Amino acid sequence: MSGAKQIRWGVLSTAKIGREKVIPGIMSSRTGHVAAIASRGLERAQHAANQLGIAKAYGTYEDLLADPDIDAIYNPLPNHLHVPLTLQAADAGKHVLCEKPVALNAGEARQLLSAQEGRLIAEAFMVRAHPQWIRARDLVRSGDLGELKAIQGFFSYFNADPANIRNNADIGGGALLDIGCYTMLAGRYFFDAEPQRVVAMIDRDPEFETDRTTSAMLDFRQGRHLSFTVSTQLTPHQRFQLVGTKKRLELLIPVNAPQGGATELRLDGGSKLGDGSAVTETIAPCDQYAEMADVFGRAILGETPLPYGVEDAIQNMTILDALFQSAKEGGWVSLSQST
């Protein structure tokens, strides 16, 4: 850190998620700022730097990683480049916040275990830093819902563009890796537990060969079930339901919360159907990407421990692998038996 009081971030690529969401979030965070951005061409990097107020632009990723003034890297490259470039960044002495999914599979993710010495590596699940997720889990832990027994998730958008990387199966496209990682994560986060077995059903696009619609159920034992559907070719929608023995909690925009805007939770005891007894709680405006940057930044500065690291990212990939395996084999897959 060279005595710096703020994290000096470098961003690999001019990806849309970085330009529109994460870079503005880091810029408004309390612990850091974006000091450099790199692309495969200097002109593209310079254009993004000018637009976003970033001091340095590099025409190769390697040039950015060699910059001694950069403390941490945000890696939003296509999925198949997550592990290779994260390893390069760690080898260059940088901390790395890598966009989800951290890898194409758990085996690839395990390569990151060897890169942790002296560096922090984490998967960029901004939702876990958003106050609406934190508040929802606090309500679960308080017992206000009774015993949380069922979580239902739905997350979809429509994208049939052949040129879009999310429709390229060879580099990790498809619904499960792109957005199913969030619905899966909700089970781990709100149940405070790990699934013991999973089952999934996949409909693949005949041209792209990606999973365009995936439905799944995860068994967390003790009568706790997570079920979800995710799709890259359905009407855009997202909603999570957390249902307990006393009350139901609904997250209206659980993943793509308005950046810098307020969100709402609905708590319903069920005395009137059709949301007639629902009570709305407003969560104050925030930027979940800034919150995520600060969680990682405080860990780099030694102020607080890193809550989720490489081991957590590997577990996420292990569960996603098991879901793919289940769909292929046509039955339940135990997490202890998944490949």
Protein backbone atom coordinates (compact mmCIF):
# COMPACT_ATOMS: atom_id res chain seq x y z
CA MET A 1 0.00 0.00 0.00
CA SER A 2 3.02 2.28 0.29
CA GLY A 3 1.35 4.16 3.13
CA ALA A 4 -1.62 5.18 1.01
CA LYS A 5 -4.81 6.03 2.86
CA GLN A 6 -6.97 5.17 -0.13
CA ILE A 7 -6.95 2.12 -2.38
CA ARG A 8 -5.70 2.93 -5.88
CA TRP A 9 -7.75 0.76 -8.21
CA GLY A 10 -6.93 -0.43 -11.71
CA VAL A 11 -9.68 -1.78 -13.95
CA LEU A 12 -9.09 -4.47 -16.55
CA SER A 13 -11.16 -3.71 -19.68
CA THR A 14 -13.80 -1.18 -20.57
CA ALA A 15 -16.65 -3.65 -19.96
CA LYS A 16 -20.10 -2.14 -19.54
CA ILE A 17 -20.52 -3.36 -15.96
CA GLY A 18 -17.32 -1.55 -15.04
CA ARG A 19 -18.04 1.68 -16.91
CA GLU A 20 -21.65 2.03 -15.80
CA LYS A 21 -21.74 0.43 -12.37
CA VAL A 22 -18.52 -0.55 -10.61
CA ILE A 23 -16.22 2.33 -11.57
CA PRO A 24 -18.77 4.98 -10.51
CA GLY A 25 -19.25 2.95 -7.33
CA ILE A 26 -15.54 2.86 -6.54
CA MET A 27 -15.26 6.57 -7.34
CA SER A 28 -17.96 7.34 -4.75
CA SER A 29 -16.61 4.91 -2.16
CA ARG A 30 -14.92 6.04 1.04
CA THR A 31 -11.84 3.85 0.75
CA GLY A 32 -10.65 4.16 -2.84
CA HIS A 33 -10.61 5.64 -6.30
CA VAL A 34 -9.97 4.33 -9.82
CA ALA A 35 -6.48 5.42 -10.84
CA ALA A 36 -6.08 3.47 -14.10
CA ILE A 37 -7.99 1.54 -16.74
CA ALA A 38 -6.73 -0.83 -19.43
CA SER A 39 -8.13 -2.20 -22.66
CA ARG A 40 -6.79 -4.22 -25.58
CA GLY A 41 -6.29 -0.93 -27.37
CA LEU A 42 -4.98 2.35 -25.99
CA GLU A 43 -7.55 4.47 -27.84
CA ARG A 44 -10.46 2.62 -26.25
CA ALA A 45 -8.88 2.82 -22.81
CA GLN A 46 -8.14 6.52 -23.18
CA HIS A 47 -11.70 7.23 -24.30
CA ALA A 48 -13.11 5.49 -21.22
CA ALA A 49 -10.58 7.24 -18.97
CA ASN A 50 -11.60 10.63 -20.34
CA GLN A 51 -15.28 9.89 -19.87
CA LEU A 52 -14.90 8.60 -16.32
CA GLY A 53 -12.21 10.95 -15.00
CA ILE A 54 -9.51 8.29 -14.67
CA ALA A 55 -5.93 9.57 -14.69
CA LYS A 56 -4.15 6.71 -16.48
CA ALA A 57 -5.02 4.61 -19.52
CA TYR A 58 -3.16 1.54 -20.75
CA GLY A 59 -3.32 -0.26 -24.08
CA THR A 60 -2.61 -3.70 -22.57
CA TYR A 61 -3.62 -5.44 -19.37
CA GLU A 62 -0.01 -6.30 -18.67
CA ASP A 63 1.01 -2.62 -18.67
CA LEU A 64 -1.61 -1.83 -16.04
CA LEU A 65 -0.59 -4.80 -13.87
CA ALA A 66 3.02 -3.59 -14.00
CA ASP A 67 2.08 -0.17 -12.61
CA PRO A 68 3.59 0.02 -9.10
CA ASP A 69 1.11 2.70 -8.07
CA ILE A 70 -1.91 0.37 -8.38
CA ASP A 71 -2.96 -1.46 -5.22
CA ALA A 72 -6.02 -3.41 -6.32
CA ILE A 73 -7.53 -4.71 -9.54
CA TYR A 74 -11.16 -5.03 -10.56
CA ASN A 75 -11.48 -7.80 -13.16
CA PRO A 76 -14.72 -7.66 -15.22
CA LEU A 77 -13.34 -9.56 -18.22
CA PRO A 78 -15.35 -12.38 -19.89
CA ASN A 79 -15.77 -15.41 -17.65
CA HIS A 80 -13.03 -17.51 -19.22
CA LEU A 81 -10.47 -14.78 -18.44
CA HIS A 82 -11.40 -14.37 -14.78
CA VAL A 83 -8.93 -16.87 -13.35
CA PRO A 84 -6.02 -16.28 -15.77
CA LEU A 85 -6.00 -12.50 -15.31
CA THR A 86 -6.68 -12.72 -11.59
CA LEU A 87 -3.64 -14.97 -11.26
CA GLN A 88 -1.56 -12.52 -13.29
CA ALA A 89 -2.73 -9.63 -11.14
CA ALA A 90 -1.97 -11.49 -7.92
CA ASP A 91 1.44 -12.45 -9.28
CA ALA A 92 2.04 -8.74 -9.86
CA GLY A 93 1.30 -8.13 -6.17
CA LYS A 94 -2.21 -6.74 -6.57
CA HIS A 95 -5.33 -7.50 -4.58
CA VAL A 96 -8.16 -8.62 -6.88
CA LEU A 97 -11.90 -8.17 -6.87
CA CYS A 98 -13.05 -10.49 -9.66
CA GLU A 99 -16.46 -10.26 -11.30
CA LYS A 100 -18.79 -13.22 -10.82
CA PRO A 101 -18.70 -16.07 -11.60
CA VAL A 102 -15.10 -16.25 -10.41
CA ALA A 103 -14.35 -19.13 -12.81
CA LEU A 104 -15.87 -21.51 -15.33
CA ASN A 105 -15.91 -24.32 -12.76
CA ALA A 106 -14.69 -25.19 -9.28
CA GLY A 107 -11.54 -26.89 -10.53
CA GLU A 108 -10.44 -23.72 -12.24
CA ALA A 109 -11.40 -21.63 -9.21
CA ARG A 110 -9.14 -23.75 -6.98
CA GLN A 111 -6.14 -22.40 -8.87
CA LEU A 112 -6.69 -19.16 -6.97
CA LEU A 113 -5.82 -20.82 -3.65
CA SER A 114 -2.13 -20.60 -4.48
CA ALA A 115 -2.34 -16.86 -5.22
CA GLN A 116 -3.57 -15.62 -1.85
CA GLU A 117 -0.28 -15.12 0.00
CA GLY A 118 -0.03 -11.44 0.80
CA ARG A 119 -3.01 -10.64 -1.44
CA LEU A 120 -6.77 -10.60 -1.04
CA ILE A 121 -8.97 -12.15 -3.72
CA ALA A 122 -12.77 -12.01 -3.67
CA GLU A 123 -15.74 -12.56 -5.95
CA ALA A 124 -17.68 -9.38 -6.75
CA PHE A 125 -21.13 -10.17 -5.37
CA MET A 126 -22.24 -6.62 -4.66
CA VAL A 127 -25.61 -7.80 -3.32
CA ARG A 128 -24.05 -9.02 -0.07
CA ALA A 129 -22.95 -5.46 0.65
CA HIS A 130 -26.37 -3.93 -0.05
CA PRO A 131 -28.27 -2.90 3.08
CA GLN A 132 -31.45 -4.59 1.79
CA TRP A 133 -29.77 -8.02 1.83
CA ILE A 134 -28.17 -7.29 5.20
CA ARG A 135 -31.49 -6.12 6.66
CA ALA A 136 -33.34 -9.12 5.22
CA ARG A 137 -30.87 -11.52 6.81
CA ASP A 138 -31.09 -9.64 10.12
CA LEU A 139 -34.88 -10.16 10.03
CA VAL A 140 -34.38 -13.86 9.37
CA ARG A 141 -31.86 -14.19 12.19
CA SER A 142 -34.12 -12.27 14.59
CA GLY A 143 -36.83 -14.91 14.22
CA ASP A 144 -39.35 -12.37 12.94
CA LEU A 145 -40.23 -14.72 10.08
CA GLY A 146 -40.38 -17.71 12.41
CA GLU A 147 -38.34 -20.55 10.92
CA LEU A 148 -37.20 -19.75 7.39
CA LYS A 149 -38.13 -22.83 5.36
CA ALA A 150 -38.51 -21.76 1.73
CA ILE A 151 -36.76 -19.32 -0.56
CA GLN A 152 -38.05 -18.75 -4.07
CA GLY A 153 -36.15 -16.74 -6.67
CA PHE A 154 -36.86 -15.59 -10.18
CA PHE A 155 -34.40 -13.65 -12.32
CA SER A 156 -34.67 -13.10 -16.07
CA TYR A 157 -33.84 -10.82 -18.97
CA PHE A 158 -34.15 -11.15 -22.75
CA ASN A 159 -30.97 -11.22 -24.82
CA ALA A 160 -30.89 -13.11 -28.12
CA ASP A 161 -27.93 -11.23 -29.62
CA PRO A 162 -25.50 -13.77 -31.15
CA ALA A 163 -22.61 -11.33 -30.64
CA ASN A 164 -23.20 -10.93 -26.90
CA ILE A 165 -20.69 -12.82 -24.75
CA ARG A 166 -23.52 -14.09 -22.54
CA ASN A 167 -24.67 -16.16 -25.50
CA ASN A 168 -21.27 -17.76 -26.09
CA ALA A 169 -21.20 -21.18 -24.41
CA ASP A 170 -17.45 -21.66 -24.92
CA ILE A 171 -16.54 -18.76 -22.65
CA GLY A 172 -19.08 -19.33 -19.88
CA GLY A 173 -22.29 -17.84 -21.27
CA GLY A 174 -25.79 -18.81 -20.21
CA ALA A 175 -28.29 -18.10 -17.48
CA LEU A 176 -26.91 -20.20 -14.63
CA LEU A 177 -23.43 -18.68 -14.58
CA ASP A 178 -24.59 -15.15 -15.36
CA ILE A 179 -27.57 -14.75 -13.03
CA GLY A 180 -28.27 -18.13 -11.45
CA CYS A 181 -25.22 -17.49 -9.30
CA TYR A 182 -27.25 -14.81 -7.50
CA THR A 183 -30.32 -16.97 -6.89
CA MET A 184 -28.07 -19.81 -5.69
CA LEU A 185 -26.18 -17.41 -3.43
CA ALA A 186 -29.44 -16.29 -1.81
CA GLY A 187 -29.86 -19.75 -0.31
CA ARG A 188 -26.38 -19.79 1.21
CA TYR A 189 -26.76 -16.22 2.48
CA PHE A 190 -30.24 -16.28 4.00
CA PHE A 191 -30.24 -19.86 5.30
CA ASP A 192 -26.72 -19.39 6.72
CA ALA A 193 -26.06 -22.92 5.53
CA GLU A 194 -24.80 -25.01 2.63
CA PRO A 195 -26.96 -27.16 0.33
CA GLN A 196 -26.57 -30.90 0.69
CA ARG A 197 -27.99 -31.91 -2.68
CA VAL A 198 -29.35 -30.20 -5.79
CA VAL A 199 -31.48 -30.94 -8.83
CA ALA A 200 -31.79 -28.87 -12.00
CA MET A 201 -33.55 -28.78 -15.35
CA ILE A 202 -32.07 -26.89 -18.31
CA ASP A 203 -33.49 -25.69 -21.63
CA ARG A 204 -30.66 -24.90 -24.03
CA ASP A 205 -30.75 -22.50 -26.94
CA PRO A 206 -30.44 -24.62 -30.12
CA GLU A 207 -28.10 -22.10 -31.74
CA PHE A 208 -26.03 -20.77 -28.84
CA GLU A 209 -26.02 -24.05 -26.84
CA THR A 210 -26.21 -21.96 -23.67
CA ASP A 211 -28.70 -22.68 -20.90
CA ARG A 212 -31.32 -20.08 -21.74
CA THR A 213 -33.70 -21.20 -18.98
CA THR A 214 -32.67 -23.11 -15.88
CA SER A 215 -34.84 -24.16 -12.95
CA ALA A 216 -33.43 -25.73 -9.84
CA MET A 217 -34.07 -26.86 -6.29
CA LEU A 218 -31.46 -26.94 -3.55
CA ASP A 219 -31.97 -28.97 -0.37
CA PHE A 220 -30.48 -27.31 2.71
CA ARG A 221 -31.84 -30.07 5.00
CA GLN A 222 -34.04 -29.52 8.04
CA GLY A 223 -36.93 -28.86 5.65
CA ARG A 224 -35.21 -25.84 4.06
CA HIS A 225 -35.64 -25.53 0.30
CA LEU A 226 -34.39 -23.03 -2.26
CA SER A 227 -36.08 -23.07 -5.66
CA PHE A 228 -35.43 -20.74 -8.57
CA THR A 229 -35.79 -20.10 -12.27
CA VAL A 230 -33.36 -17.98 -14.26
CA SER A 231 -33.49 -17.16 -17.94
CA THR A 232 -31.70 -15.12 -20.59
CA GLN A 233 -34.71 -15.24 -22.92
CA LEU A 234 -37.75 -14.28 -20.87
CA THR A 235 -39.40 -10.98 -19.94
CA PRO A 236 -37.11 -9.04 -17.58
CA HIS A 237 -38.10 -9.68 -13.97
CA GLN A 238 -36.52 -10.37 -10.61
CA ARG A 239 -38.01 -11.13 -7.22
CA PHE A 240 -37.02 -13.12 -4.12
CA GLN A 241 -39.44 -14.54 -1.56
CA LEU A 242 -38.26 -15.67 1.88
CA VAL A 243 -41.07 -17.63 3.54
CA GLY A 244 -41.05 -18.57 7.18
CA THR A 245 -43.48 -20.23 9.56
CA LYS A 246 -44.77 -16.83 10.74
CA LYS A 247 -44.12 -14.28 7.98
CA ARG A 248 -43.01 -13.86 4.39
CA LEU A 249 -40.34 -11.39 3.30
CA GLU A 250 -40.18 -10.15 -0.29
CA LEU A 251 -37.21 -8.43 -1.96
CA LEU A 252 -38.66 -6.45 -4.86
CA ILE A 253 -35.42 -5.73 -6.76
CA PRO A 254 -32.98 -8.12 -5.13
CA VAL A 255 -30.05 -7.90 -7.55
CA ASN A 256 -30.17 -4.83 -9.83
CA ALA A 257 -31.15 -2.39 -7.12
CA PRO A 258 -31.23 1.20 -8.41
CA GLN A 259 -27.73 2.61 -8.01
CA GLY A 260 -27.95 5.43 -5.51
CA GLY A 261 -31.67 4.82 -5.03
CA ALA A 262 -33.92 3.46 -2.29
CA THR A 263 -35.22 -0.11 -2.20
CA GLU A 264 -38.16 -1.79 -0.50
CA LEU A 265 -38.77 -4.92 1.52
CA ARG A 266 -42.26 -6.28 2.10
CA LEU A 267 -43.03 -8.19 5.28
CA ASP A 268 -46.35 -10.06 5.30
CA GLY A 269 -47.94 -12.11 8.03
CA GLY A 270 -50.49 -13.49 5.60
CA SER A 271 -53.65 -12.44 7.45
CA LYS A 272 -54.96 -11.05 4.18
CA LEU A 273 -54.17 -12.57 0.81
CA GLY A 274 -53.00 -10.56 -2.17
CA ASP A 275 -50.46 -8.58 -0.11
CA GLY A 276 -53.34 -7.11 1.87
CA SER A 277 -51.43 -7.41 5.15
CA ALA A 278 -47.99 -6.59 3.77
CA VAL A 279 -45.94 -3.87 5.46
CA THR A 280 -43.33 -2.08 3.38
CA GLU A 281 -39.96 -1.11 4.80
CA THR A 282 -37.91 1.38 2.79
CA ILE A 283 -34.16 0.92 2.69
CA ALA A 284 -32.32 4.23 2.41
CA PRO A 285 -30.67 5.12 -0.92
CA CYS A 286 -27.27 3.58 -1.43
CA ASP A 287 -24.81 2.42 -4.07
CA GLN A 288 -24.18 -1.29 -3.59
CA TYR A 289 -21.07 -1.13 -5.77
CA ALA A 290 -19.59 1.55 -3.52
CA GLU A 291 -20.51 -0.54 -0.50
CA MET A 292 -18.80 -3.58 -2.08
CA ALA A 293 -15.68 -1.55 -2.83
CA ASP A 294 -15.56 -0.38 0.78
CA VAL A 295 -15.94 -3.91 2.17
CA PHE A 296 -12.95 -4.98 0.07
CA GLY A 297 -11.09 -1.72 0.71
CA ARG A 298 -11.40 -1.94 4.48
CA ALA A 299 -10.03 -5.48 4.34
CA ILE A 300 -7.03 -4.32 2.29
CA LEU A 301 -6.40 -1.51 4.77
CA GLY A 302 -6.54 -4.00 7.62
CA GLU A 303 -9.54 -2.35 9.24
CA THR A 304 -11.88 -5.36 9.01
CA PRO A 305 -11.46 -8.98 7.90
CA LEU A 306 -12.48 -9.98 4.38
CA PRO A 307 -15.89 -11.66 4.86
CA TYR A 308 -15.82 -13.73 1.66
CA GLY A 309 -12.64 -14.90 -0.02
CA VAL A 310 -11.41 -17.57 -2.40
CA GLU A 311 -12.83 -20.50 -0.41
CA ASP A 312 -16.29 -18.94 -0.59
CA ALA A 313 -15.93 -18.42 -4.35
CA ILE A 314 -14.89 -22.06 -4.80
CA GLN A 315 -17.99 -23.17 -2.89
CA ASN A 316 -20.18 -21.08 -5.18
CA MET A 317 -18.65 -22.76 -8.22
CA THR A 318 -18.97 -26.22 -6.63
CA ILE A 319 -22.72 -25.72 -6.26
CA LEU A 320 -23.08 -24.39 -9.81
CA ASP A 321 -21.09 -27.38 -11.11
CA ALA A 322 -23.45 -29.73 -9.28
CA LEU A 323 -26.47 -28.03 -10.87
CA PHE A 324 -25.00 -28.52 -14.35
CA GLN A 325 -24.21 -32.13 -13.46
CA SER A 326 -27.77 -32.72 -12.25
CA ALA A 327 -29.29 -31.38 -15.46
CA LYS A 328 -26.97 -33.60 -17.49
CA GLU A 329 -27.65 -36.73 -15.46
CA GLY A 330 -31.34 -36.07 -14.86
CA GLY A 331 -31.46 -36.44 -11.08
CA TRP A 332 -30.36 -35.28 -7.67
CA VAL A 333 -26.66 -34.67 -7.13
CA SER A 334 -25.10 -34.73 -3.67
CA LEU A 335 -22.58 -31.98 -3.11
CA SER A 336 -20.18 -34.53 -1.65
CA GLN A 337 -20.44 -36.51 -4.91
CA SER A 338 -20.35 -33.68 -7.45
CA THR A 339 -17.42 -33.59 -9.82
